[in-house]
Amino acid sequence: FKKVTGTTIYQYYLHKQMELAQQLLNKGHSVNDVALKVGYSTVGHF
């Protein structure tokens, strides 16, 4: 994966996760809802 993409699987996943979170927040979703939708169990960690 790293050889082909130049990044780790975790960094790729984190990028996609944060990209989605940003889009949802920009659409007006609450921080709590976004945290849960992108896979975090606590708002603080998100």
All heavy atoms as atom14 arrays in JSON, in Angstrom:
{
  "sequence": "FKKVTGTTIYQYYLHKQMELAQQLLNKGHSVNDVALKVGYSTVGHF",
  "atom14_mask": [
    [1, 1, 1, 1, 1, 1, 1, 1, 1, 1, 1, 0, 0, 0],
    [1, 1, 1, 1, 1, 1, 1, 1, 1, 0, 0, 0, 0, 0],
    [1, 1, 1, 1, 1, 1, 1, 1, 1, 0, 0, 0, 0, 0],
    [1, 1, 1, 1, 1, 1, 1, 0, 0, 0, 0, 0, 0, 0],
    [1, 1, 1, 1, 1, 1, 1, 0, 0, 0, 0, 0, 0, 0],
    [1, 1, 1, 1, 0, 0, 0, 0, 0, 0, 0, 0, 0, 0],
    [1, 1, 1, 1, 1, 1, 1, 0, 0, 0, 0, 0, 0, 0],
    [1, 1, 1, 1, 1, 1, 1, 0, 0, 0, 0, 0, 0, 0],
    [1, 1, 1, 1, 1, 1, 1, 1, 0, 0, 0, 0, 0, 0],
    [1, 1, 1, 1, 1, 1, 1, 1, 1, 1, 1, 1, 0, 0],
    [1, 1, 1, 1, 1, 1, 1, 1, 1, 0, 0, 0, 0, 0],
    [1, 1, 1, 1, 1, 1, 1, 1, 1, 1, 1, 1, 0, 0],
    [1, 1, 1, 1, 1, 1, 1, 1, 1, 1, 1, 1, 0, 0],
    [1, 1, 1, 1, 1, 1, 1, 1, 0, 0, 0, 0, 0, 0],
    [1, 1, 1, 1, 1, 1, 1, 1, 1, 1, 0, 0, 0, 0],
    [1, 1, 1, 1, 1, 1, 1, 1, 1, 0, 0, 0, 0, 0],
    [1, 1, 1, 1, 1, 1, 1, 1, 1, 0, 0, 0, 0, 0],
    [1, 1, 1, 1, 1, 1, 1, 1, 0, 0, 0, 0, 0, 0],
    [1, 1, 1, 1, 1, 1, 1, 1, 1, 0, 0, 0, 0, 0],
    [1, 1, 1, 1, 1, 1, 1, 1, 0, 0, 0, 0, 0, 0],
    [1, 1, 1, 1, 1, 0, 0, 0, 0, 0, 0, 0, 0, 0],
    [1, 1, 1, 1, 1, 1, 1, 1, 1, 0, 0, 0, 0, 0],
    [1, 1, 1, 1, 1, 1, 1, 1, 1, 0, 0, 0, 0, 0],
    [1, 1, 1, 1, 1, 1, 1, 1, 0, 0, 0, 0, 0, 0],
    [1, 1, 1, 1, 1, 1, 1, 1, 0, 0, 0, 0, 0, 0],
    [1, 1, 1, 1, 1, 1, 1, 1, 0, 0, 0, 0, 0, 0],
    [1, 1, 1, 1, 1, 1, 1, 1, 1, 0, 0, 0, 0, 0],
    [1, 1, 1, 1, 0, 0, 0, 0, 0, 0, 0, 0, 0, 0],
    [1, 1, 1, 1, 1, 1, 1, 1, 1, 1, 0, 0, 0, 0],
    [1, 1, 1, 1, 1, 1, 0, 0, 0, 0, 0, 0, 0, 0],
    [1, 1, 1, 1, 1, 1, 1, 0, 0, 0, 0, 0, 0, 0],
    [1, 1, 1, 1, 1, 1, 1, 1, 0, 0, 0, 0, 0, 0],
    [1, 1, 1, 1, 1, 1, 1, 1, 0, 0, 0, 0, 0, 0],
    [1, 1, 1, 1, 1, 1, 1, 0, 0, 0, 0, 0, 0, 0],
    [1, 1, 1, 1, 1, 0, 0, 0, 0, 0, 0, 0, 0, 0],
    [1, 1, 1, 1, 1, 1, 1, 1, 0, 0, 0, 0, 0, 0],
    [1, 1, 1, 1, 1, 1, 1, 1, 1, 0, 0, 0, 0, 0],
    [1, 1, 1, 1, 1, 1, 1, 0, 0, 0, 0, 0, 0, 0],
    [1, 1, 1, 1, 0, 0, 0, 0, 0, 0, 0, 0, 0, 0],
    [1, 1, 1, 1, 1, 1, 1, 1, 1, 1, 1, 1, 0, 0],
    [1, 1, 1, 1, 1, 1, 0, 0, 0, 0, 0, 0, 0, 0],
    [1, 1, 1, 1, 1, 1, 1, 0, 0, 0, 0, 0, 0, 0],
    [1, 1, 1, 1, 1, 1, 1, 0, 0, 0, 0, 0, 0, 0],
    [1, 1, 1, 1, 0, 0, 0, 0, 0, 0, 0, 0, 0, 0],
    [1, 1, 1, 1, 1, 1, 1, 1, 1, 1, 0, 0, 0, 0],
    [1, 1, 1, 1, 1, 1, 1, 1, 1, 1, 1, 0, 0, 0]
  ],
  "atom14_positions": [
    [[0.84, -1.2, 0.0], [0.0, 0.0, 0.0], [0.87, 1.25, 0.0], [0.66, 2.17, -0.78], [-0.94, 0.0, 1.21], [-1.97, 1.08, 1.16], [-3.2, 0.86, 0.57], [-1.72, 2.34, 1.7], [-4.17, 1.85, 0.51], [-2.68, 3.35, 1.65], [-3.9, 3.11, 1.06], [0.0, 0.0, 0.0], [0.0, 0.0, 0.0], [0.0, 0.0, 0.0]],
    [[1.87, 1.27, 0.87], [2.76, 2.43, 0.95], [3.56, 2.62, -0.33], [3.76, 3.74, -0.79], [3.68, 2.34, 2.15], [4.51, 3.6, 2.32], [5.02, 3.78, 3.7], [5.67, 5.15, 3.78], [5.98, 5.54, 5.1], [0.0, 0.0, 0.0], [0.0, 0.0, 0.0], [0.0, 0.0, 0.0], [0.0, 0.0, 0.0], [0.0, 0.0, 0.0]],
    [[3.99, 1.53, -0.93], [4.75, 1.61, -2.18], [3.91, 2.22, -3.3], [4.38, 3.04, -4.07], [5.25, 0.22, -2.58], [6.15, 0.22, -3.79], [6.68, -1.16, -4.09], [7.6, -1.15, -5.29], [8.09, -2.49, -5.61], [0.0, 0.0, 0.0], [0.0, 0.0, 0.0], [0.0, 0.0, 0.0], [0.0, 0.0, 0.0], [0.0, 0.0, 0.0]],
    [[2.66, 1.81, -3.37], [1.77, 2.28, -4.45], [1.26, 3.69, -4.19], [1.21, 4.51, -5.11], [0.58, 1.3, -4.63], [-0.47, 1.87, -5.56], [1.08, -0.04, -5.14], [0.0, 0.0, 0.0], [0.0, 0.0, 0.0], [0.0, 0.0, 0.0], [0.0, 0.0, 0.0], [0.0, 0.0, 0.0], [0.0, 0.0, 0.0], [0.0, 0.0, 0.0]],
    [[0.88, 3.99, -2.94], [0.24, 5.28, -2.66], [1.17, 6.33, -2.08], [0.85, 7.51, -2.1], [-0.93, 5.09, -1.66], [-0.4, 4.68, -0.41], [-1.95, 4.12, -2.19], [0.0, 0.0, 0.0], [0.0, 0.0, 0.0], [0.0, 0.0, 0.0], [0.0, 0.0, 0.0], [0.0, 0.0, 0.0], [0.0, 0.0, 0.0], [0.0, 0.0, 0.0]],
    [[2.28, 5.89, -1.52], [3.2, 6.83, -0.89], [2.8, 7.21, 0.53], [3.4, 8.09, 1.13], [0.0, 0.0, 0.0], [0.0, 0.0, 0.0], [0.0, 0.0, 0.0], [0.0, 0.0, 0.0], [0.0, 0.0, 0.0], [0.0, 0.0, 0.0], [0.0, 0.0, 0.0], [0.0, 0.0, 0.0], [0.0, 0.0, 0.0], [0.0, 0.0, 0.0]],
    [[1.79, 6.55, 1.05], [1.32, 6.83, 2.41], [0.92, 5.53, 3.08], [0.72, 4.52, 2.41], [0.15, 7.84, 2.4], [-0.12, 8.28, 3.72], [-1.11, 7.25, 1.78], [0.0, 0.0, 0.0], [0.0, 0.0, 0.0], [0.0, 0.0, 0.0], [0.0, 0.0, 0.0], [0.0, 0.0, 0.0], [0.0, 0.0, 0.0], [0.0, 0.0, 0.0]],
    [[0.76, 5.58, 4.38], [0.34, 4.38, 5.09], [-1.17, 4.22, 4.99], [-1.89, 5.18, 4.7], [0.73, 4.46, 6.59], [-0.02, 5.51, 7.21], [2.22, 4.67, 6.77], [0.0, 0.0, 0.0], [0.0, 0.0, 0.0], [0.0, 0.0, 0.0], [0.0, 0.0, 0.0], [0.0, 0.0, 0.0], [0.0, 0.0, 0.0], [0.0, 0.0, 0.0]],
    [[-1.63, 3.01, 5.28], [-3.07, 2.76, 5.28], [-3.75, 3.65, 6.32], [-4.79, 4.24, 6.05], [-3.37, 1.27, 5.57], [-2.87, 0.41, 4.41], [-4.85, 1.04, 5.81], [-2.92, -1.08, 4.67], [0.0, 0.0, 0.0], [0.0, 0.0, 0.0], [0.0, 0.0, 0.0], [0.0, 0.0, 0.0], [0.0, 0.0, 0.0], [0.0, 0.0, 0.0]],
    [[-3.13, 3.77, 7.5], [-3.71, 4.6, 8.56], [-3.8, 6.06, 8.13], [-4.83, 6.7, 8.32], [-2.9, 4.49, 9.85], [-3.42, 5.44, 10.9], [-4.61, 5.16, 11.57], [-2.74, 6.61, 11.2], [-5.11, 6.05, 12.51], [-3.24, 7.49, 12.14], [-4.42, 7.21, 12.79], [-4.92, 8.1, 13.71], [0.0, 0.0, 0.0], [0.0, 0.0, 0.0]],
    [[-2.75, 6.62, 7.54], [-2.78, 8.01, 7.11], [-3.82, 8.24, 6.01], [-4.5, 9.26, 5.99], [-1.39, 8.47, 6.65], [-0.41, 8.66, 7.77], [-0.83, 9.73, 8.75], [-1.37, 10.76, 8.39], [-0.6, 9.46, 10.03], [0.0, 0.0, 0.0], [0.0, 0.0, 0.0], [0.0, 0.0, 0.0], [0.0, 0.0, 0.0], [0.0, 0.0, 0.0]],
    [[-3.96, 7.28, 5.13], [-4.97, 7.38, 4.08], [-6.37, 7.38, 4.7], [-7.22, 8.21, 4.35], [-4.82, 6.21, 3.1], [-5.85, 6.21, 2.0], [-5.67, 6.99, 0.87], [-7.0, 5.42, 2.09], [-6.61, 7.0, -0.15], [-7.95, 5.43, 1.08], [-7.75, 6.22, -0.04], [-8.69, 6.24, -1.02], [0.0, 0.0, 0.0], [0.0, 0.0, 0.0]],
    [[-6.59, 6.47, 5.63], [-7.88, 6.39, 6.3], [-8.18, 7.68, 7.07], [-9.28, 8.23, 6.99], [-7.91, 5.19, 7.24], [-9.16, 5.11, 8.09], [-10.36, 4.67, 7.55], [-9.14, 5.51, 9.42], [-11.51, 4.62, 8.3], [-10.3, 5.46, 10.19], [-11.47, 5.02, 9.63], [-12.61, 4.98, 10.38], [0.0, 0.0, 0.0], [0.0, 0.0, 0.0]],
    [[-7.18, 8.17, 7.8], [-7.36, 9.41, 8.57], [-7.69, 10.58, 7.66], [-8.57, 11.38, 7.96], [-6.1, 9.7, 9.39], [-6.15, 10.96, 10.25], [-7.23, 10.83, 11.34], [-4.79, 11.21, 10.89], [0.0, 0.0, 0.0], [0.0, 0.0, 0.0], [0.0, 0.0, 0.0], [0.0, 0.0, 0.0], [0.0, 0.0, 0.0], [0.0, 0.0, 0.0]],
    [[-7.01, 10.65, 6.52], [-7.29, 11.72, 5.56], [-8.74, 11.66, 5.08], [-9.43, 12.68, 5.06], [-6.33, 11.62, 4.37], [-6.63, 12.57, 3.27], [-6.36, 13.92, 3.34], [-7.23, 12.37, 2.07], [-6.77, 14.5, 2.24], [-7.29, 13.58, 1.44], [0.0, 0.0, 0.0], [0.0, 0.0, 0.0], [0.0, 0.0, 0.0], [0.0, 0.0, 0.0]],
    [[-9.19, 10.48, 4.7], [-10.57, 10.33, 4.23], [-11.57, 10.65, 5.35], [-12.6, 11.28, 5.12], [-10.81, 8.92, 3.68], [-10.07, 8.63, 2.4], [-10.55, 9.57, 1.31], [-9.9, 9.29, -0.01], [-10.33, 10.22, -1.05], [0.0, 0.0, 0.0], [0.0, 0.0, 0.0], [0.0, 0.0, 0.0], [0.0, 0.0, 0.0], [0.0, 0.0, 0.0]],
    [[-11.26, 10.21, 6.55], [-12.12, 10.44, 7.71], [-12.25, 11.94, 8.0], [-13.35, 12.46, 8.19], [-11.53, 9.71, 8.9], [-12.37, 9.69, 10.14], [-11.65, 8.95, 11.25], [-10.48, 9.22, 11.53], [-12.34, 8.03, 11.88], [0.0, 0.0, 0.0], [0.0, 0.0, 0.0], [0.0, 0.0, 0.0], [0.0, 0.0, 0.0], [0.0, 0.0, 0.0]],
    [[-11.14, 12.64, 7.99], [-11.14, 14.08, 8.28], [-11.78, 14.88, 7.15], [-12.48, 15.86, 7.38], [-9.72, 14.58, 8.55], [-9.14, 14.08, 9.85], [-10.03, 14.7, 11.31], [-10.57, 13.16, 12.03], [0.0, 0.0, 0.0], [0.0, 0.0, 0.0], [0.0, 0.0, 0.0], [0.0, 0.0, 0.0], [0.0, 0.0, 0.0], [0.0, 0.0, 0.0]],
    [[-11.57, 14.43, 5.93], [-12.21, 15.06, 4.77], [-13.73, 14.98, 4.88], [-14.45, 15.96, 4.67], [-11.72, 14.35, 3.51], [-11.83, 15.12, 2.25], [-11.16, 14.37, 1.11], [-11.66, 13.29, 0.72], [-10.13, 14.85, 0.61], [0.0, 0.0, 0.0], [0.0, 0.0, 0.0], [0.0, 0.0, 0.0], [0.0, 0.0, 0.0], [0.0, 0.0, 0.0]],
    [[-14.24, 13.8, 5.24], [-15.68, 13.62, 5.41], [-16.19, 14.45, 6.58], [-17.23, 15.1, 6.47], [-16.01, 12.14, 5.64], [-17.47, 11.81, 5.94], [-18.39, 12.28, 4.81], [-17.63, 10.31, 6.19], [0.0, 0.0, 0.0], [0.0, 0.0, 0.0], [0.0, 0.0, 0.0], [0.0, 0.0, 0.0], [0.0, 0.0, 0.0], [0.0, 0.0, 0.0]],
    [[-15.46, 14.48, 7.67], [-15.85, 15.27, 8.84], [-15.97, 16.74, 8.46], [-16.94, 17.41, 8.82], [-14.85, 15.08, 9.97], [0.0, 0.0, 0.0], [0.0, 0.0, 0.0], [0.0, 0.0, 0.0], [0.0, 0.0, 0.0], [0.0, 0.0, 0.0], [0.0, 0.0, 0.0], [0.0, 0.0, 0.0], [0.0, 0.0, 0.0], [0.0, 0.0, 0.0]],
    [[-15.0, 17.24, 7.73], [-15.02, 18.64, 7.31], [-16.24, 18.93, 6.43], [-16.92, 19.94, 6.61], [-13.74, 18.97, 6.57], [-13.61, 20.42, 6.17], [-12.33, 20.7, 5.42], [-11.89, 19.88, 4.6], [-11.72, 21.83, 5.69], [0.0, 0.0, 0.0], [0.0, 0.0, 0.0], [0.0, 0.0, 0.0], [0.0, 0.0, 0.0], [0.0, 0.0, 0.0]],
    [[-16.54, 18.05, 5.52], [-17.7, 18.23, 4.64], [-19.0, 18.26, 5.45], [-19.87, 19.11, 5.22], [-17.77, 17.11, 3.61], [-16.69, 17.17, 2.56], [-16.68, 15.92, 1.68], [-17.51, 15.04, 1.8], [-15.69, 15.84, 0.8], [0.0, 0.0, 0.0], [0.0, 0.0, 0.0], [0.0, 0.0, 0.0], [0.0, 0.0, 0.0], [0.0, 0.0, 0.0]],
    [[-19.14, 17.34, 6.39], [-20.35, 17.29, 7.21], [-20.5, 18.53, 8.08], [-21.6, 19.07, 8.22], [-20.36, 16.02, 8.08], [-20.48, 14.71, 7.31], [-20.23, 13.52, 8.25], [-21.83, 14.59, 6.64], [0.0, 0.0, 0.0], [0.0, 0.0, 0.0], [0.0, 0.0, 0.0], [0.0, 0.0, 0.0], [0.0, 0.0, 0.0], [0.0, 0.0, 0.0]],
    [[-19.4, 18.98, 8.65], [-19.45, 20.2, 9.47], [-19.84, 21.41, 8.62], [-20.63, 22.25, 9.04], [-18.11, 20.44, 10.16], [-17.79, 19.48, 11.29], [-16.32, 19.59, 11.69], [-18.69, 19.72, 12.5], [0.0, 0.0, 0.0], [0.0, 0.0, 0.0], [0.0, 0.0, 0.0], [0.0, 0.0, 0.0], [0.0, 0.0, 0.0], [0.0, 0.0, 0.0]],
    [[-19.29, 21.46, 7.41], [-19.61, 22.57, 6.51], [-21.08, 22.56, 6.08], [-21.62, 23.59, 5.72], [-18.71, 22.55, 5.27], [-17.31, 23.04, 5.57], [-17.1, 23.81, 6.5], [-16.35, 22.56, 4.8], [0.0, 0.0, 0.0], [0.0, 0.0, 0.0], [0.0, 0.0, 0.0], [0.0, 0.0, 0.0], [0.0, 0.0, 0.0], [0.0, 0.0, 0.0]],
    [[-21.71, 21.38, 6.14], [-23.13, 21.27, 5.8], [-24.02, 21.57, 7.0], [-25.24, 21.5, 6.88], [-23.44, 19.87, 5.27], [-22.87, 19.61, 3.9], [-23.22, 18.22, 3.42], [-22.64, 17.95, 2.04], [-22.93, 16.6, 1.58], [0.0, 0.0, 0.0], [0.0, 0.0, 0.0], [0.0, 0.0, 0.0], [0.0, 0.0, 0.0], [0.0, 0.0, 0.0]],
    [[-23.41, 21.85, 8.16], [-24.2, 22.23, 9.32], [-24.47, 21.14, 10.33], [-25.22, 21.35, 11.29], [0.0, 0.0, 0.0], [0.0, 0.0, 0.0], [0.0, 0.0, 0.0], [0.0, 0.0, 0.0], [0.0, 0.0, 0.0], [0.0, 0.0, 0.0], [0.0, 0.0, 0.0], [0.0, 0.0, 0.0], [0.0, 0.0, 0.0], [0.0, 0.0, 0.0]],
    [[-23.89, 19.97, 10.16], [-24.07, 18.89, 11.14], [-23.38, 19.26, 12.44], [-22.36, 19.94, 12.43], [-23.5, 17.57, 10.61], [-24.23, 17.01, 9.45], [-25.22, 16.07, 9.57], [-24.12, 17.27, 8.12], [-25.69, 15.76, 8.38], [-25.03, 16.47, 7.47], [0.0, 0.0, 0.0], [0.0, 0.0, 0.0], [0.0, 0.0, 0.0], [0.0, 0.0, 0.0]],
    [[-23.91, 18.79, 13.54], [-23.3, 19.08, 14.84], [-21.99, 18.32, 14.99], [-21.79, 17.27, 14.38], [-24.25, 18.69, 15.98], [-24.31, 17.29, 16.12], [0.0, 0.0, 0.0], [0.0, 0.0, 0.0], [0.0, 0.0, 0.0], [0.0, 0.0, 0.0], [0.0, 0.0, 0.0], [0.0, 0.0, 0.0], [0.0, 0.0, 0.0], [0.0, 0.0, 0.0]],
    [[-21.12, 18.85, 15.84], [-19.83, 18.2, 16.08], [-20.06, 16.8, 16.64], [-19.38, 15.84, 16.24], [-18.96, 19.05, 17.03], [-17.67, 18.31, 17.39], [-18.62, 20.39, 16.39], [0.0, 0.0, 0.0], [0.0, 0.0, 0.0], [0.0, 0.0, 0.0], [0.0, 0.0, 0.0], [0.0, 0.0, 0.0], [0.0, 0.0, 0.0], [0.0, 0.0, 0.0]],
    [[-21.02, 16.66, 17.53], [-21.32, 15.36, 18.12], [-21.76, 14.36, 17.05], [-21.27, 13.22, 17.02], [-22.41, 15.5, 19.19], [-22.6, 14.23, 19.98], [-21.63, 13.69, 20.51], [-23.83, 13.76, 20.05], [0.0, 0.0, 0.0], [0.0, 0.0, 0.0], [0.0, 0.0, 0.0], [0.0, 0.0, 0.0], [0.0, 0.0, 0.0], [0.0, 0.0, 0.0]],
    [[-22.66, 14.76, 16.18], [-23.12, 13.87, 15.11], [-21.98, 13.48, 14.16], [-21.86, 12.34, 13.76], [-24.24, 14.53, 14.3], [-25.56, 14.55, 15.04], [-25.7, 13.84, 16.06], [-26.47, 15.29, 14.6], [0.0, 0.0, 0.0], [0.0, 0.0, 0.0], [0.0, 0.0, 0.0], [0.0, 0.0, 0.0], [0.0, 0.0, 0.0], [0.0, 0.0, 0.0]],
    [[-21.16, 14.45, 13.82], [-20.04, 14.19, 12.92], [-19.06, 13.21, 13.55], [-18.61, 12.26, 12.9], [-19.33, 15.5, 12.52], [-18.05, 15.21, 11.74], [-20.26, 16.38, 11.69], [0.0, 0.0, 0.0], [0.0, 0.0, 0.0], [0.0, 0.0, 0.0], [0.0, 0.0, 0.0], [0.0, 0.0, 0.0], [0.0, 0.0, 0.0], [0.0, 0.0, 0.0]],
    [[-18.76, 13.41, 14.81], [-17.83, 12.51, 15.52], [-18.32, 11.08, 15.42], [-17.55, 10.16, 15.09], [-17.69, 12.93, 16.97], [0.0, 0.0, 0.0], [0.0, 0.0, 0.0], [0.0, 0.0, 0.0], [0.0, 0.0, 0.0], [0.0, 0.0, 0.0], [0.0, 0.0, 0.0], [0.0, 0.0, 0.0], [0.0, 0.0, 0.0], [0.0, 0.0, 0.0]],
    [[-19.59, 10.86, 15.67], [-20.15, 9.51, 15.61], [-20.19, 8.98, 14.18], [-19.88, 7.81, 13.95], [-21.56, 9.5, 16.22], [-21.64, 9.79, 17.71], [-23.09, 9.91, 18.16], [-20.9, 8.75, 18.52], [0.0, 0.0, 0.0], [0.0, 0.0, 0.0], [0.0, 0.0, 0.0], [0.0, 0.0, 0.0], [0.0, 0.0, 0.0], [0.0, 0.0, 0.0]],
    [[-20.54, 9.83, 13.23], [-20.64, 9.39, 11.83], [-19.3, 8.98, 11.23], [-19.25, 8.13, 10.35], [-21.27, 10.49, 10.97], [-22.76, 10.61, 11.17], [-23.36, 11.7, 10.31], [-24.83, 11.82, 10.61], [-25.5, 12.84, 9.82], [0.0, 0.0, 0.0], [0.0, 0.0, 0.0], [0.0, 0.0, 0.0], [0.0, 0.0, 0.0], [0.0, 0.0, 0.0]],
    [[-18.23, 9.6, 11.69], [-16.92, 9.26, 11.12], [-16.16, 8.25, 11.97], [-15.01, 7.94, 11.69], [-16.04, 10.51, 10.83], [-16.71, 11.4, 9.81], [-15.69, 11.25, 12.1], [0.0, 0.0, 0.0], [0.0, 0.0, 0.0], [0.0, 0.0, 0.0], [0.0, 0.0, 0.0], [0.0, 0.0, 0.0], [0.0, 0.0, 0.0], [0.0, 0.0, 0.0]],
    [[-16.81, 7.72, 13.02], [-16.24, 6.59, 13.72], [-15.64, 6.82, 15.09], [-14.98, 5.93, 15.63], [0.0, 0.0, 0.0], [0.0, 0.0, 0.0], [0.0, 0.0, 0.0], [0.0, 0.0, 0.0], [0.0, 0.0, 0.0], [0.0, 0.0, 0.0], [0.0, 0.0, 0.0], [0.0, 0.0, 0.0], [0.0, 0.0, 0.0], [0.0, 0.0, 0.0]],
    [[-15.83, 7.98, 15.68], [-15.31, 8.23, 17.02], [-16.39, 7.99, 18.06], [-17.54, 8.34, 17.86], [-14.79, 9.68, 17.13], [-13.51, 9.89, 16.36], [-13.54, 10.19, 15.01], [-12.28, 9.75, 16.98], [-12.37, 10.36, 14.3], [-11.1, 9.92, 16.28], [-11.15, 10.22, 14.94], [-9.99, 10.38, 14.24], [0.0, 0.0, 0.0], [0.0, 0.0, 0.0]],
    [[-16.0, 7.4, 19.17], [-16.97, 7.12, 20.23], [-17.1, 8.29, 21.19], [-18.08, 8.38, 21.93], [-16.61, 5.85, 20.99], [-15.32, 5.96, 21.54], [0.0, 0.0, 0.0], [0.0, 0.0, 0.0], [0.0, 0.0, 0.0], [0.0, 0.0, 0.0], [0.0, 0.0, 0.0], [0.0, 0.0, 0.0], [0.0, 0.0, 0.0], [0.0, 0.0, 0.0]],
    [[-16.12, 9.2, 21.19], [-16.21, 10.38, 22.04], [-15.93, 11.64, 21.23], [-15.07, 11.64, 20.34], [-15.21, 10.33, 23.23], [-13.88, 10.41, 22.71], [-15.39, 9.07, 24.05], [0.0, 0.0, 0.0], [0.0, 0.0, 0.0], [0.0, 0.0, 0.0], [0.0, 0.0, 0.0], [0.0, 0.0, 0.0], [0.0, 0.0, 0.0], [0.0, 0.0, 0.0]],
    [[-16.63, 12.69, 21.56], [-16.45, 13.97, 20.88], [-15.07, 14.53, 21.19], [-14.42, 15.14, 20.33], [-17.55, 14.97, 21.28], [-17.3, 16.33, 20.66], [-18.91, 14.45, 20.87], [0.0, 0.0, 0.0], [0.0, 0.0, 0.0], [0.0, 0.0, 0.0], [0.0, 0.0, 0.0], [0.0, 0.0, 0.0], [0.0, 0.0, 0.0], [0.0, 0.0, 0.0]],
    [[-14.61, 14.32, 22.42], [-13.3, 14.83, 22.82], [-12.17, 14.29, 21.97], [-11.3, 15.04, 21.53], [0.0, 0.0, 0.0], [0.0, 0.0, 0.0], [0.0, 0.0, 0.0], [0.0, 0.0, 0.0], [0.0, 0.0, 0.0], [0.0, 0.0, 0.0], [0.0, 0.0, 0.0], [0.0, 0.0, 0.0], [0.0, 0.0, 0.0], [0.0, 0.0, 0.0]],
    [[-12.18, 12.99, 21.73], [-11.13, 12.39, 20.91], [-11.23, 12.86, 19.46], [-10.23, 13.15, 18.82], [-11.21, 10.86, 20.99], [-10.04, 10.18, 20.36], [-10.17, 9.1, 19.53], [-8.7, 10.43, 20.41], [-8.98, 8.72, 19.1], [-8.07, 9.51, 19.62], [0.0, 0.0, 0.0], [0.0, 0.0, 0.0], [0.0, 0.0, 0.0], [0.0, 0.0, 0.0]],
    [[-12.45, 12.95, 18.95], [-12.64, 13.48, 17.59], [-12.12, 14.9, 17.49], [-11.38, 15.24, 16.55], [-14.12, 13.43, 17.19], [-14.42, 14.25, 15.97], [-13.98, 13.84, 14.71], [-15.11, 15.44, 16.06], [-14.22, 14.6, 13.58], [-15.37, 16.21, 14.94], [-14.92, 15.79, 13.69], [0.0, 0.0, 0.0], [0.0, 0.0, 0.0], [0.0, 0.0, 0.0]]
  ]
}
